[in-house]
Amino acid sequence: MSMSDPVADMLTRIRNAGMVHFSSVDMPYSKMKHHVAQIMQNEGYINGFEVVVEKGPQNTLRIDLKYDGNGNRVITGLRRVSKPGRRVYASHHEIPAVMSGLGISIVSTSQGIISGRQARSKKIGGEIICEVW
């Protein structure tokens, strides 16, 4: 399996781990994934994450998945929007409201990777990386 899209791989790992109710999921570390995890934590979709320092060439990003009181996963859906083959950019007023505002979009902007809501309030557009709900 070629790793041409590490973010799609990250979303798939989170989706699969949630379906089988794993408490956490590991993936190769990257700065981009770190920022995406940070936003998911800030927005309350995951309990947290940690960078596990490995002996090898690459560290591991461990995401602590979140479930509600009934054991249902908090993240019900993840969607990669901008893909390596088809980049999706939006100005601040084109950033979509995910699930009528119940979800979030994660946007890569000139000021770093931020949530769609932050991008709208700062009036900056960028590349829409993914949506979480």
N, C-alpha and C. Protein backbone atom coordinates (compact mmCIF):
# COMPACT_ATOMS: atom_id res chain seq x y z
N MET A 1 0.84 -1.19 0.00
CA MET A 1 0.00 0.00 0.00
C MET A 1 0.88 1.24 0.00
N SER A 2 0.72 2.08 -1.00
CA SER A 2 1.54 3.29 -1.05
C SER A 2 0.91 4.35 -0.16
N MET A 3 1.77 5.10 0.51
CA MET A 3 1.28 6.14 1.40
C MET A 3 1.27 7.49 0.68
N SER A 4 0.48 7.58 -0.37
CA SER A 4 0.44 8.83 -1.11
C SER A 4 -0.42 9.86 -0.38
N ASP A 5 -1.31 9.40 0.50
CA ASP A 5 -2.17 10.34 1.23
C ASP A 5 -2.22 9.96 2.71
N PRO A 6 -1.23 10.44 3.48
CA PRO A 6 -1.18 10.06 4.90
C PRO A 6 -2.40 10.52 5.70
N VAL A 7 -3.02 11.65 5.31
CA VAL A 7 -4.18 12.12 6.07
C VAL A 7 -5.37 11.18 5.86
N ALA A 8 -5.58 10.72 4.63
CA ALA A 8 -6.65 9.76 4.37
C ALA A 8 -6.41 8.49 5.16
N ASP A 9 -5.15 8.07 5.26
CA ASP A 9 -4.80 6.90 6.06
C ASP A 9 -5.15 7.15 7.53
N MET A 10 -4.85 8.35 8.03
CA MET A 10 -5.17 8.70 9.41
C MET A 10 -6.67 8.60 9.67
N LEU A 11 -7.47 9.19 8.76
CA LEU A 11 -8.92 9.18 8.93
C LEU A 11 -9.46 7.75 8.90
N THR A 12 -8.92 6.94 8.00
CA THR A 12 -9.35 5.54 7.90
C THR A 12 -9.02 4.78 9.18
N ARG A 13 -7.84 5.00 9.72
CA ARG A 13 -7.46 4.32 10.96
C ARG A 13 -8.38 4.72 12.11
N ILE A 14 -8.72 6.02 12.19
CA ILE A 14 -9.61 6.49 13.26
C ILE A 14 -11.00 5.87 13.07
N ARG A 15 -11.49 5.87 11.83
CA ARG A 15 -12.81 5.31 11.52
C ARG A 15 -12.86 3.83 11.89
N ASN A 16 -11.85 3.06 11.46
CA ASN A 16 -11.84 1.62 11.72
C ASN A 16 -11.71 1.31 13.21
N ALA A 17 -10.86 2.06 13.92
CA ALA A 17 -10.68 1.82 15.35
C ALA A 17 -11.97 2.14 16.11
N GLY A 18 -12.69 3.18 15.67
CA GLY A 18 -13.94 3.54 16.31
C GLY A 18 -15.01 2.48 16.13
N MET A 19 -15.01 1.87 14.93
CA MET A 19 -16.02 0.84 14.64
C MET A 19 -15.87 -0.37 15.55
N VAL A 20 -14.64 -0.70 15.93
CA VAL A 20 -14.42 -1.85 16.80
C VAL A 20 -14.16 -1.42 18.25
N HIS A 21 -14.47 -0.15 18.55
CA HIS A 21 -14.41 0.41 19.90
C HIS A 21 -13.03 0.27 20.55
N PHE A 22 -11.98 0.49 19.79
CA PHE A 22 -10.64 0.55 20.39
C PHE A 22 -10.57 1.83 21.21
N SER A 23 -9.78 1.79 22.29
CA SER A 23 -9.65 3.00 23.11
C SER A 23 -8.69 3.98 22.47
N SER A 24 -7.72 3.48 21.71
CA SER A 24 -6.78 4.38 21.04
C SER A 24 -6.34 3.76 19.72
N VAL A 25 -5.73 4.58 18.89
CA VAL A 25 -5.25 4.11 17.59
C VAL A 25 -3.91 4.77 17.30
N ASP A 26 -2.97 3.97 16.76
CA ASP A 26 -1.62 4.47 16.47
C ASP A 26 -1.45 4.66 14.96
N MET A 27 -0.61 5.62 14.59
CA MET A 27 -0.30 5.85 13.18
C MET A 27 1.06 6.53 13.11
N PRO A 28 1.71 6.47 11.95
CA PRO A 28 2.99 7.19 11.82
C PRO A 28 2.77 8.69 12.05
N TYR A 29 3.72 9.31 12.75
CA TYR A 29 3.60 10.73 13.10
C TYR A 29 3.94 11.62 11.91
N SER A 30 3.19 12.71 11.78
CA SER A 30 3.61 13.81 10.91
C SER A 30 3.06 15.10 11.52
N LYS A 31 3.66 16.22 11.16
CA LYS A 31 3.20 17.51 11.70
C LYS A 31 1.75 17.76 11.30
N MET A 32 1.42 17.42 10.05
CA MET A 32 0.06 17.63 9.55
C MET A 32 -0.94 16.86 10.41
N LYS A 33 -0.66 15.57 10.67
CA LYS A 33 -1.56 14.75 11.49
C LYS A 33 -1.63 15.29 12.91
N HIS A 34 -0.51 15.79 13.42
CA HIS A 34 -0.47 16.37 14.76
C HIS A 34 -1.46 17.54 14.85
N HIS A 35 -1.43 18.42 13.83
CA HIS A 35 -2.33 19.58 13.81
C HIS A 35 -3.79 19.14 13.69
N VAL A 36 -4.06 18.14 12.84
CA VAL A 36 -5.43 17.64 12.68
C VAL A 36 -5.91 17.07 14.01
N ALA A 37 -5.06 16.30 14.69
CA ALA A 37 -5.43 15.72 15.99
C ALA A 37 -5.67 16.82 17.02
N GLN A 38 -4.86 17.88 16.97
CA GLN A 38 -5.01 18.99 17.92
C GLN A 38 -6.39 19.64 17.76
N ILE A 39 -6.82 19.83 16.51
CA ILE A 39 -8.13 20.45 16.27
C ILE A 39 -9.24 19.51 16.72
N MET A 40 -9.09 18.20 16.43
CA MET A 40 -10.11 17.23 16.88
C MET A 40 -10.23 17.25 18.40
N GLN A 41 -9.10 17.40 19.08
CA GLN A 41 -9.13 17.47 20.55
C GLN A 41 -9.78 18.78 21.01
N ASN A 42 -9.38 19.90 20.41
CA ASN A 42 -9.95 21.20 20.79
C ASN A 42 -11.46 21.21 20.59
N GLU A 43 -11.94 20.53 19.55
CA GLU A 43 -13.37 20.53 19.22
C GLU A 43 -14.13 19.42 19.95
N GLY A 44 -13.44 18.62 20.75
CA GLY A 44 -14.10 17.61 21.57
C GLY A 44 -14.40 16.29 20.89
N TYR A 45 -13.71 16.00 19.78
CA TYR A 45 -13.97 14.73 19.08
C TYR A 45 -13.10 13.58 19.58
N ILE A 46 -11.98 13.89 20.21
CA ILE A 46 -11.12 12.85 20.79
C ILE A 46 -10.74 13.29 22.19
N ASN A 47 -10.38 12.30 23.04
CA ASN A 47 -9.97 12.62 24.41
C ASN A 47 -8.62 13.30 24.43
N GLY A 48 -7.76 12.91 23.48
CA GLY A 48 -6.42 13.49 23.45
C GLY A 48 -5.55 12.70 22.51
N PHE A 49 -4.28 13.06 22.49
CA PHE A 49 -3.32 12.33 21.66
C PHE A 49 -1.95 12.51 22.26
N GLU A 50 -1.03 11.62 21.89
CA GLU A 50 0.34 11.77 22.35
C GLU A 50 1.27 11.35 21.24
N VAL A 51 2.47 11.91 21.28
CA VAL A 51 3.51 11.51 20.34
C VAL A 51 4.38 10.49 21.05
N VAL A 52 4.41 9.26 20.54
CA VAL A 52 5.22 8.21 21.14
C VAL A 52 6.56 8.20 20.41
N VAL A 53 7.62 8.50 21.14
CA VAL A 53 8.95 8.58 20.52
C VAL A 53 9.47 7.15 20.31
N GLU A 54 9.77 6.84 19.08
CA GLU A 54 10.22 5.49 18.72
C GLU A 54 11.73 5.48 18.50
N LYS A 55 12.31 4.26 18.53
CA LYS A 55 13.74 4.14 18.23
C LYS A 55 14.01 4.36 16.75
N GLY A 56 13.05 3.99 15.93
CA GLY A 56 13.24 4.03 14.48
C GLY A 56 13.21 5.45 13.91
N PRO A 57 13.04 5.53 12.58
CA PRO A 57 13.11 6.83 11.92
C PRO A 57 11.91 7.72 12.18
N GLN A 58 10.78 7.13 12.54
CA GLN A 58 9.56 7.93 12.66
C GLN A 58 8.85 7.67 13.98
N ASN A 59 8.38 8.75 14.60
CA ASN A 59 7.60 8.62 15.83
C ASN A 59 6.19 8.16 15.50
N THR A 60 5.44 7.83 16.55
CA THR A 60 4.07 7.36 16.39
C THR A 60 3.12 8.37 17.02
N LEU A 61 2.02 8.63 16.34
CA LEU A 61 0.97 9.47 16.90
C LEU A 61 -0.11 8.54 17.43
N ARG A 62 -0.38 8.63 18.74
CA ARG A 62 -1.41 7.79 19.35
C ARG A 62 -2.60 8.67 19.71
N ILE A 63 -3.76 8.36 19.13
CA ILE A 63 -4.96 9.15 19.37
C ILE A 63 -5.88 8.37 20.31
N ASP A 64 -6.30 9.05 21.36
CA ASP A 64 -7.18 8.47 22.38
C ASP A 64 -8.62 8.75 21.96
N LEU A 65 -9.32 7.73 21.52
CA LEU A 65 -10.67 7.92 20.99
C LEU A 65 -11.67 8.20 22.10
N LYS A 66 -12.74 8.87 21.75
CA LYS A 66 -13.73 9.32 22.72
C LYS A 66 -15.07 8.66 22.45
N TYR A 67 -15.73 8.22 23.52
CA TYR A 67 -17.05 7.61 23.42
C TYR A 67 -17.97 8.30 24.42
N ASP A 68 -19.27 8.31 24.12
CA ASP A 68 -20.21 8.94 25.06
C ASP A 68 -20.55 7.95 26.18
N GLY A 69 -21.43 8.36 27.07
CA GLY A 69 -21.77 7.53 28.22
C GLY A 69 -22.35 6.17 27.86
N ASN A 70 -22.96 6.07 26.67
CA ASN A 70 -23.54 4.80 26.23
C ASN A 70 -22.57 3.97 25.40
N GLY A 71 -21.34 4.42 25.31
CA GLY A 71 -20.35 3.68 24.54
C GLY A 71 -20.40 3.95 23.04
N ASN A 72 -21.21 4.93 22.63
CA ASN A 72 -21.24 5.28 21.20
C ASN A 72 -20.06 6.19 20.89
N ARG A 73 -19.47 6.00 19.70
CA ARG A 73 -18.32 6.84 19.39
C ARG A 73 -18.76 8.28 19.11
N VAL A 74 -17.93 9.22 19.53
CA VAL A 74 -18.23 10.63 19.34
C VAL A 74 -18.08 11.00 17.86
N ILE A 75 -17.02 10.45 17.22
CA ILE A 75 -16.84 10.70 15.78
C ILE A 75 -17.72 9.71 15.03
N THR A 76 -18.77 10.21 14.38
CA THR A 76 -19.62 9.30 13.60
C THR A 76 -19.21 9.27 12.14
N GLY A 77 -18.47 10.28 11.71
CA GLY A 77 -18.03 10.28 10.33
C GLY A 77 -16.81 11.14 10.11
N LEU A 78 -15.97 10.71 9.15
CA LEU A 78 -14.80 11.48 8.75
C LEU A 78 -14.77 11.43 7.23
N ARG A 79 -14.46 12.57 6.60
CA ARG A 79 -14.39 12.57 5.14
C ARG A 79 -13.20 13.39 4.68
N ARG A 80 -12.39 12.78 3.84
CA ARG A 80 -11.27 13.52 3.23
C ARG A 80 -11.87 14.39 2.14
N VAL A 81 -11.61 15.67 2.16
CA VAL A 81 -12.18 16.57 1.14
C VAL A 81 -11.16 16.82 0.04
N SER A 82 -10.03 17.42 0.42
CA SER A 82 -9.00 17.72 -0.56
C SER A 82 -8.07 16.52 -0.66
N LYS A 83 -7.94 15.96 -1.84
CA LYS A 83 -7.11 14.77 -2.04
C LYS A 83 -5.89 15.14 -2.88
N PRO A 84 -4.84 14.29 -2.85
CA PRO A 84 -3.67 14.62 -3.67
C PRO A 84 -4.02 14.81 -5.16
N GLY A 85 -4.97 14.06 -5.64
CA GLY A 85 -5.35 14.18 -7.05
C GLY A 85 -6.32 15.31 -7.34
N ARG A 86 -6.98 15.79 -6.31
CA ARG A 86 -7.97 16.85 -6.50
C ARG A 86 -8.00 17.74 -5.27
N ARG A 87 -7.22 18.80 -5.32
CA ARG A 87 -7.16 19.71 -4.19
C ARG A 87 -8.41 20.57 -4.16
N VAL A 88 -8.93 20.81 -2.95
CA VAL A 88 -10.14 21.62 -2.79
C VAL A 88 -9.79 22.85 -1.94
N TYR A 89 -9.93 24.02 -2.55
CA TYR A 89 -9.66 25.26 -1.85
C TYR A 89 -10.96 26.05 -1.73
N ALA A 90 -11.05 26.88 -0.69
CA ALA A 90 -12.24 27.69 -0.50
C ALA A 90 -11.84 29.01 0.14
N SER A 91 -12.52 30.07 -0.27
CA SER A 91 -12.33 31.33 0.44
C SER A 91 -13.14 31.25 1.73
N HIS A 92 -12.94 32.21 2.64
CA HIS A 92 -13.54 32.06 3.98
C HIS A 92 -15.05 31.96 3.94
N HIS A 93 -15.71 32.60 2.96
CA HIS A 93 -17.17 32.50 2.95
C HIS A 93 -17.67 31.29 2.17
N GLU A 94 -16.75 30.49 1.61
CA GLU A 94 -17.15 29.26 0.91
C GLU A 94 -16.92 28.02 1.77
N ILE A 95 -16.30 28.19 2.94
CA ILE A 95 -16.02 27.03 3.79
C ILE A 95 -17.35 26.44 4.26
N PRO A 96 -17.58 25.17 3.95
CA PRO A 96 -18.91 24.60 4.23
C PRO A 96 -19.18 24.38 5.71
N ALA A 97 -20.44 24.50 6.10
CA ALA A 97 -20.86 24.09 7.43
C ALA A 97 -21.12 22.59 7.35
N VAL A 98 -20.43 21.82 8.17
CA VAL A 98 -20.53 20.36 8.12
C VAL A 98 -21.73 19.93 8.96
N MET A 99 -22.60 19.11 8.38
CA MET A 99 -23.79 18.59 9.07
C MET A 99 -24.56 19.75 9.74
N SER A 100 -24.85 20.79 9.00
CA SER A 100 -25.57 21.97 9.49
C SER A 100 -24.94 22.54 10.76
N GLY A 101 -23.61 22.50 10.83
CA GLY A 101 -22.92 23.08 11.97
C GLY A 101 -22.63 22.09 13.08
N LEU A 102 -23.10 20.85 12.96
CA LEU A 102 -22.84 19.85 14.01
C LEU A 102 -21.44 19.26 13.87
N GLY A 103 -20.86 19.36 12.68
CA GLY A 103 -19.51 18.84 12.46
C GLY A 103 -18.54 19.98 12.24
N ILE A 104 -17.29 19.62 11.98
CA ILE A 104 -16.27 20.63 11.73
C ILE A 104 -15.55 20.32 10.43
N SER A 105 -15.04 21.37 9.80
CA SER A 105 -14.09 21.16 8.71
C SER A 105 -12.74 21.59 9.24
N ILE A 106 -11.69 20.97 8.71
CA ILE A 106 -10.33 21.31 9.10
C ILE A 106 -9.66 21.88 7.86
N VAL A 107 -9.13 23.10 8.00
CA VAL A 107 -8.65 23.86 6.85
C VAL A 107 -7.18 24.19 7.04
N SER A 108 -6.40 23.99 5.98
CA SER A 108 -5.00 24.39 5.98
C SER A 108 -4.91 25.80 5.40
N THR A 109 -4.50 26.77 6.21
CA THR A 109 -4.47 28.17 5.79
C THR A 109 -3.04 28.70 5.85
N SER A 110 -2.90 29.95 5.43
CA SER A 110 -1.59 30.60 5.53
C SER A 110 -1.18 30.77 7.00
N GLN A 111 -2.15 30.70 7.91
CA GLN A 111 -1.86 30.83 9.34
C GLN A 111 -1.84 29.48 10.05
N GLY A 112 -1.65 28.42 9.27
CA GLY A 112 -1.58 27.09 9.86
C GLY A 112 -2.88 26.33 9.67
N ILE A 113 -2.96 25.17 10.31
CA ILE A 113 -4.14 24.31 10.18
C ILE A 113 -5.11 24.65 11.29
N ILE A 114 -6.32 25.07 10.91
CA ILE A 114 -7.31 25.53 11.88
C ILE A 114 -8.68 24.96 11.51
N SER A 115 -9.64 25.10 12.41
CA SER A 115 -11.00 24.63 12.11
C SER A 115 -11.66 25.60 11.14
N GLY A 116 -12.66 25.12 10.43
CA GLY A 116 -13.38 25.95 9.48
C GLY A 116 -14.01 27.16 10.14
N ARG A 117 -14.48 26.97 11.38
CA ARG A 117 -15.10 28.08 12.11
C ARG A 117 -14.07 29.19 12.38
N GLN A 118 -12.87 28.79 12.79
CA GLN A 118 -11.81 29.77 13.03
C GLN A 118 -11.44 30.49 11.74
N ALA A 119 -11.38 29.72 10.64
CA ALA A 119 -11.02 30.32 9.35
C ALA A 119 -12.07 31.35 8.93
N ARG A 120 -13.33 31.00 9.15
CA ARG A 120 -14.40 31.96 8.80
C ARG A 120 -14.30 33.21 9.65
N SER A 121 -14.06 33.05 10.96
CA SER A 121 -14.03 34.22 11.83
C SER A 121 -12.79 35.09 11.54
N LYS A 122 -11.69 34.44 11.12
CA LYS A 122 -10.49 35.22 10.78
C LYS A 122 -10.53 35.72 9.34
N LYS A 123 -11.59 35.31 8.62
CA LYS A 123 -11.76 35.69 7.21
C LYS A 123 -10.57 35.27 6.34
N ILE A 124 -10.11 34.02 6.57
CA ILE A 124 -9.07 33.48 5.71
C ILE A 124 -9.54 32.15 5.13
N GLY A 125 -9.24 31.95 3.87
CA GLY A 125 -9.58 30.68 3.20
C GLY A 125 -8.37 29.77 3.20
N GLY A 126 -8.52 28.65 2.51
CA GLY A 126 -7.42 27.71 2.42
C GLY A 126 -7.86 26.41 1.82
N GLU A 127 -7.03 25.38 2.04
CA GLU A 127 -7.33 24.05 1.52
C GLU A 127 -8.14 23.30 2.55
N ILE A 128 -9.30 22.78 2.15
CA ILE A 128 -10.15 22.03 3.08
C ILE A 128 -9.61 20.60 3.16
N ILE A 129 -8.99 20.28 4.29
CA ILE A 129 -8.34 18.99 4.43
C ILE A 129 -9.38 17.87 4.62
N CYS A 130 -10.27 18.06 5.61
CA CYS A 130 -11.24 17.01 5.89
C CYS A 130 -12.40 17.58 6.69
N GLU A 131 -13.43 16.74 6.85
CA GLU A 131 -14.58 17.08 7.67
C GLU A 131 -14.76 15.99 8.72
N VAL A 132 -15.19 16.38 9.90
CA VAL A 132 -15.40 15.45 11.00
C VAL A 132 -16.78 15.73 11.59
N TRP A 133 -17.55 14.69 11.85
CA TRP A 133 -18.84 14.87 12.52
C TRP A 133 -19.18 13.67 13.36
